[in-house]
N, C-alpha and C. Protein backbone atom coordinates (compact mmCIF):
# COMPACT_ATOMS: atom_id res chain seq x y z
N UNK A 1 21.89 1.92 0.34
CA UNK A 1 21.97 2.38 1.71
C UNK A 1 21.94 1.15 2.62
N UNK A 2 22.80 1.10 3.56
CA UNK A 2 22.86 0.00 4.52
C UNK A 2 22.93 0.58 5.93
N UNK A 3 22.40 -0.17 6.88
CA UNK A 3 22.43 0.27 8.27
C UNK A 3 22.33 -0.95 9.17
N UNK A 4 22.68 -0.77 10.42
CA UNK A 4 22.56 -1.84 11.40
C UNK A 4 21.64 -1.38 12.52
N UNK A 5 20.96 -2.35 13.13
CA UNK A 5 20.09 -2.06 14.26
C UNK A 5 20.16 -3.24 15.22
N UNK A 6 19.77 -3.01 16.45
CA UNK A 6 19.75 -4.05 17.46
C UNK A 6 18.30 -4.42 17.76
N UNK A 7 18.02 -5.70 17.83
CA UNK A 7 16.68 -6.18 18.15
C UNK A 7 16.50 -6.12 19.66
N UNK A 8 15.40 -5.52 20.10
CA UNK A 8 15.12 -5.41 21.54
C UNK A 8 14.61 -6.74 22.09
N UNK A 9 14.45 -6.82 23.40
CA UNK A 9 13.94 -8.04 24.02
C UNK A 9 12.51 -8.35 23.61
N UNK A 10 11.80 -7.33 23.11
CA UNK A 10 10.43 -7.52 22.61
C UNK A 10 10.40 -7.83 21.12
N UNK A 11 11.56 -7.95 20.48
CA UNK A 11 11.62 -8.23 19.05
C UNK A 11 11.45 -7.00 18.19
N UNK A 12 11.61 -5.83 18.75
CA UNK A 12 11.42 -4.58 18.02
C UNK A 12 12.74 -4.07 17.46
N UNK A 13 12.62 -3.42 16.29
CA UNK A 13 13.77 -2.80 15.64
C UNK A 13 13.36 -1.40 15.22
N UNK A 14 14.23 -0.44 15.38
CA UNK A 14 13.97 0.92 14.92
C UNK A 14 14.60 1.10 13.56
N UNK A 15 13.76 1.51 12.59
CA UNK A 15 14.27 1.78 11.24
C UNK A 15 14.95 3.14 11.24
N UNK A 16 16.13 3.25 10.63
CA UNK A 16 16.82 4.54 10.58
C UNK A 16 15.97 5.60 9.88
N UNK A 17 16.05 6.83 10.37
CA UNK A 17 15.25 7.94 9.85
C UNK A 17 15.47 8.16 8.36
N UNK A 18 16.69 8.02 7.87
CA UNK A 18 16.97 8.23 6.45
C UNK A 18 16.21 7.22 5.59
N UNK A 19 16.13 5.98 6.06
CA UNK A 19 15.40 4.95 5.31
C UNK A 19 13.90 5.19 5.38
N UNK A 20 13.39 5.57 6.56
CA UNK A 20 11.96 5.87 6.68
C UNK A 20 11.57 7.02 5.79
N UNK A 21 12.39 8.04 5.74
CA UNK A 21 12.11 9.21 4.90
C UNK A 21 12.13 8.84 3.43
N UNK A 22 13.13 8.10 3.02
CA UNK A 22 13.27 7.71 1.61
C UNK A 22 12.09 6.86 1.15
N UNK A 23 11.57 6.01 2.03
CA UNK A 23 10.48 5.11 1.67
C UNK A 23 9.11 5.64 2.02
N UNK A 24 9.04 6.82 2.63
CA UNK A 24 7.75 7.40 2.99
C UNK A 24 7.07 6.70 4.15
N UNK A 25 7.85 6.11 5.03
CA UNK A 25 7.30 5.41 6.19
C UNK A 25 7.23 6.40 7.36
N UNK A 26 6.05 6.52 7.95
CA UNK A 26 5.88 7.40 9.09
C UNK A 26 5.04 6.67 10.14
N UNK A 27 4.81 7.32 11.27
CA UNK A 27 4.02 6.71 12.33
C UNK A 27 2.66 6.30 11.77
N UNK A 28 2.27 5.07 12.02
CA UNK A 28 0.99 4.56 11.53
C UNK A 28 1.07 3.88 10.18
N UNK A 29 2.21 3.97 9.50
CA UNK A 29 2.37 3.30 8.21
C UNK A 29 2.32 1.79 8.39
N UNK A 30 1.84 1.10 7.38
CA UNK A 30 1.81 -0.35 7.39
C UNK A 30 2.96 -0.87 6.54
N UNK A 31 3.62 -1.90 7.02
CA UNK A 31 4.71 -2.50 6.25
C UNK A 31 4.50 -4.01 6.20
N UNK A 32 5.06 -4.63 5.17
CA UNK A 32 4.97 -6.08 5.00
C UNK A 32 6.35 -6.69 5.21
N UNK A 33 6.37 -7.88 5.79
CA UNK A 33 7.61 -8.62 5.99
C UNK A 33 7.55 -9.89 5.16
N UNK A 34 8.66 -10.21 4.52
CA UNK A 34 8.74 -11.42 3.69
C UNK A 34 10.12 -12.04 3.88
N UNK A 35 10.15 -13.34 4.04
CA UNK A 35 11.42 -14.04 4.15
C UNK A 35 11.73 -14.65 2.79
N UNK A 36 12.89 -14.29 2.25
CA UNK A 36 13.37 -14.81 0.96
C UNK A 36 14.71 -15.50 1.22
N UNK A 37 14.65 -16.82 1.32
CA UNK A 37 15.87 -17.55 1.65
C UNK A 37 16.30 -17.18 3.06
N UNK A 38 17.47 -16.55 3.18
CA UNK A 38 17.97 -16.12 4.49
C UNK A 38 17.88 -14.60 4.65
N UNK A 39 17.07 -13.95 3.81
CA UNK A 39 16.92 -12.50 3.88
C UNK A 39 15.52 -12.14 4.37
N UNK A 40 15.44 -11.05 5.09
CA UNK A 40 14.17 -10.49 5.50
C UNK A 40 13.94 -9.23 4.66
N UNK A 41 12.85 -9.22 3.91
CA UNK A 41 12.54 -8.08 3.04
C UNK A 41 11.38 -7.31 3.67
N UNK A 42 11.58 -6.02 3.86
CA UNK A 42 10.55 -5.15 4.44
C UNK A 42 10.08 -4.20 3.35
N UNK A 43 8.76 -4.20 3.10
CA UNK A 43 8.20 -3.37 2.04
C UNK A 43 7.06 -2.53 2.61
N UNK A 44 7.10 -1.21 2.40
CA UNK A 44 5.98 -0.39 2.88
C UNK A 44 4.76 -0.60 1.99
N UNK A 45 3.58 -0.67 2.62
CA UNK A 45 2.33 -0.74 1.85
C UNK A 45 1.95 0.67 1.45
N UNK A 46 1.52 0.83 0.22
CA UNK A 46 1.10 2.14 -0.24
C UNK A 46 -0.27 2.48 0.32
N UNK A 47 -0.47 3.73 0.74
CA UNK A 47 -1.82 4.12 1.18
C UNK A 47 -2.76 4.12 -0.02
N UNK A 48 -4.04 3.95 0.21
CA UNK A 48 -5.02 3.85 -0.87
C UNK A 48 -4.98 5.08 -1.78
N UNK A 49 -4.65 6.24 -1.24
CA UNK A 49 -4.61 7.46 -2.05
C UNK A 49 -3.50 7.40 -3.12
N UNK A 50 -2.53 6.53 -2.95
CA UNK A 50 -1.46 6.40 -3.94
C UNK A 50 -1.96 5.78 -5.24
N UNK A 51 -3.10 5.10 -5.18
CA UNK A 51 -3.65 4.45 -6.36
C UNK A 51 -4.58 5.36 -7.16
N UNK A 52 -4.87 6.55 -6.64
CA UNK A 52 -5.78 7.47 -7.32
C UNK A 52 -5.22 7.85 -8.68
N UNK A 53 -6.04 7.71 -9.72
CA UNK A 53 -5.67 8.09 -11.07
C UNK A 53 -4.80 7.08 -11.79
N UNK A 54 -4.58 5.91 -11.21
CA UNK A 54 -3.69 4.93 -11.81
C UNK A 54 -4.20 4.43 -13.17
N UNK A 55 -5.51 4.46 -13.37
CA UNK A 55 -6.09 3.98 -14.64
C UNK A 55 -6.37 5.11 -15.63
N UNK A 56 -6.03 6.33 -15.25
CA UNK A 56 -6.28 7.47 -16.12
C UNK A 56 -5.53 7.29 -17.44
N UNK A 57 -6.25 7.47 -18.54
CA UNK A 57 -5.63 7.36 -19.87
C UNK A 57 -5.48 5.94 -20.36
N UNK A 58 -6.10 4.98 -19.69
CA UNK A 58 -5.98 3.59 -20.09
C UNK A 58 -7.10 3.14 -21.02
N UNK A 59 -7.92 4.07 -21.48
CA UNK A 59 -8.99 3.72 -22.41
C UNK A 59 -10.21 3.13 -21.74
N UNK A 60 -10.31 3.28 -20.46
CA UNK A 60 -11.47 2.79 -19.74
C UNK A 60 -12.51 3.89 -19.76
N UNK A 61 -13.70 3.55 -20.25
CA UNK A 61 -14.75 4.54 -20.40
C UNK A 61 -15.90 4.19 -19.47
N UNK A 62 -16.37 5.17 -18.74
CA UNK A 62 -17.53 4.96 -17.88
C UNK A 62 -18.78 4.91 -18.75
N UNK A 63 -19.62 3.95 -18.53
CA UNK A 63 -20.86 3.84 -19.28
C UNK A 63 -22.02 3.82 -18.32
N UNK A 64 -23.16 4.28 -18.81
CA UNK A 64 -24.36 4.23 -17.99
C UNK A 64 -25.03 2.90 -18.19
N UNK A 65 -25.60 2.39 -17.13
CA UNK A 65 -26.33 1.13 -17.20
C UNK A 65 -27.78 1.46 -17.54
N UNK A 66 -28.31 0.76 -18.55
CA UNK A 66 -29.70 0.98 -18.94
C UNK A 66 -30.61 0.52 -17.81
N UNK A 67 -31.53 1.38 -17.45
CA UNK A 67 -32.46 1.04 -16.39
C UNK A 67 -33.67 0.33 -16.98
N UNK A 68 -34.20 -0.57 -16.20
CA UNK A 68 -35.40 -1.28 -16.63
C UNK A 68 -36.57 -0.32 -16.57
N UNK A 69 -37.45 -0.43 -17.56
CA UNK A 69 -38.62 0.43 -17.61
C UNK A 69 -39.52 0.13 -16.42
N UNK A 70 -40.07 1.19 -15.81
CA UNK A 70 -40.99 1.00 -14.69
C UNK A 70 -42.21 0.20 -15.14
N UNK A 71 -42.59 -0.72 -14.30
CA UNK A 71 -43.75 -1.54 -14.62
C UNK A 71 -44.98 -1.04 -13.84
N UNK A 72 -46.11 -1.18 -14.45
CA UNK A 72 -47.37 -0.85 -13.76
C UNK A 72 -47.99 -2.14 -13.28
N UNK A 73 -48.21 -2.23 -11.99
CA UNK A 73 -48.84 -3.41 -11.42
C UNK A 73 -50.29 -3.06 -11.08
N UNK A 74 -51.19 -3.91 -11.54
CA UNK A 74 -52.60 -3.64 -11.27
C UNK A 74 -53.18 -4.68 -10.37
């Protein structure tokens, strides 16, 4: 998908709705900018909820930490 946009006097650009929808970008979304040679790469940051369950089934087991025995101070 390709599109053109005009940069405003404030340096702002409007992303086309089709691209925002495809990438899940909405009002309040955070995006990253990176310059690669002569290209500008825009990448949406995933919300923290996107990482939920990412380690499920990876063999990571929750273990209890042994507690120290209560001491009696006299």
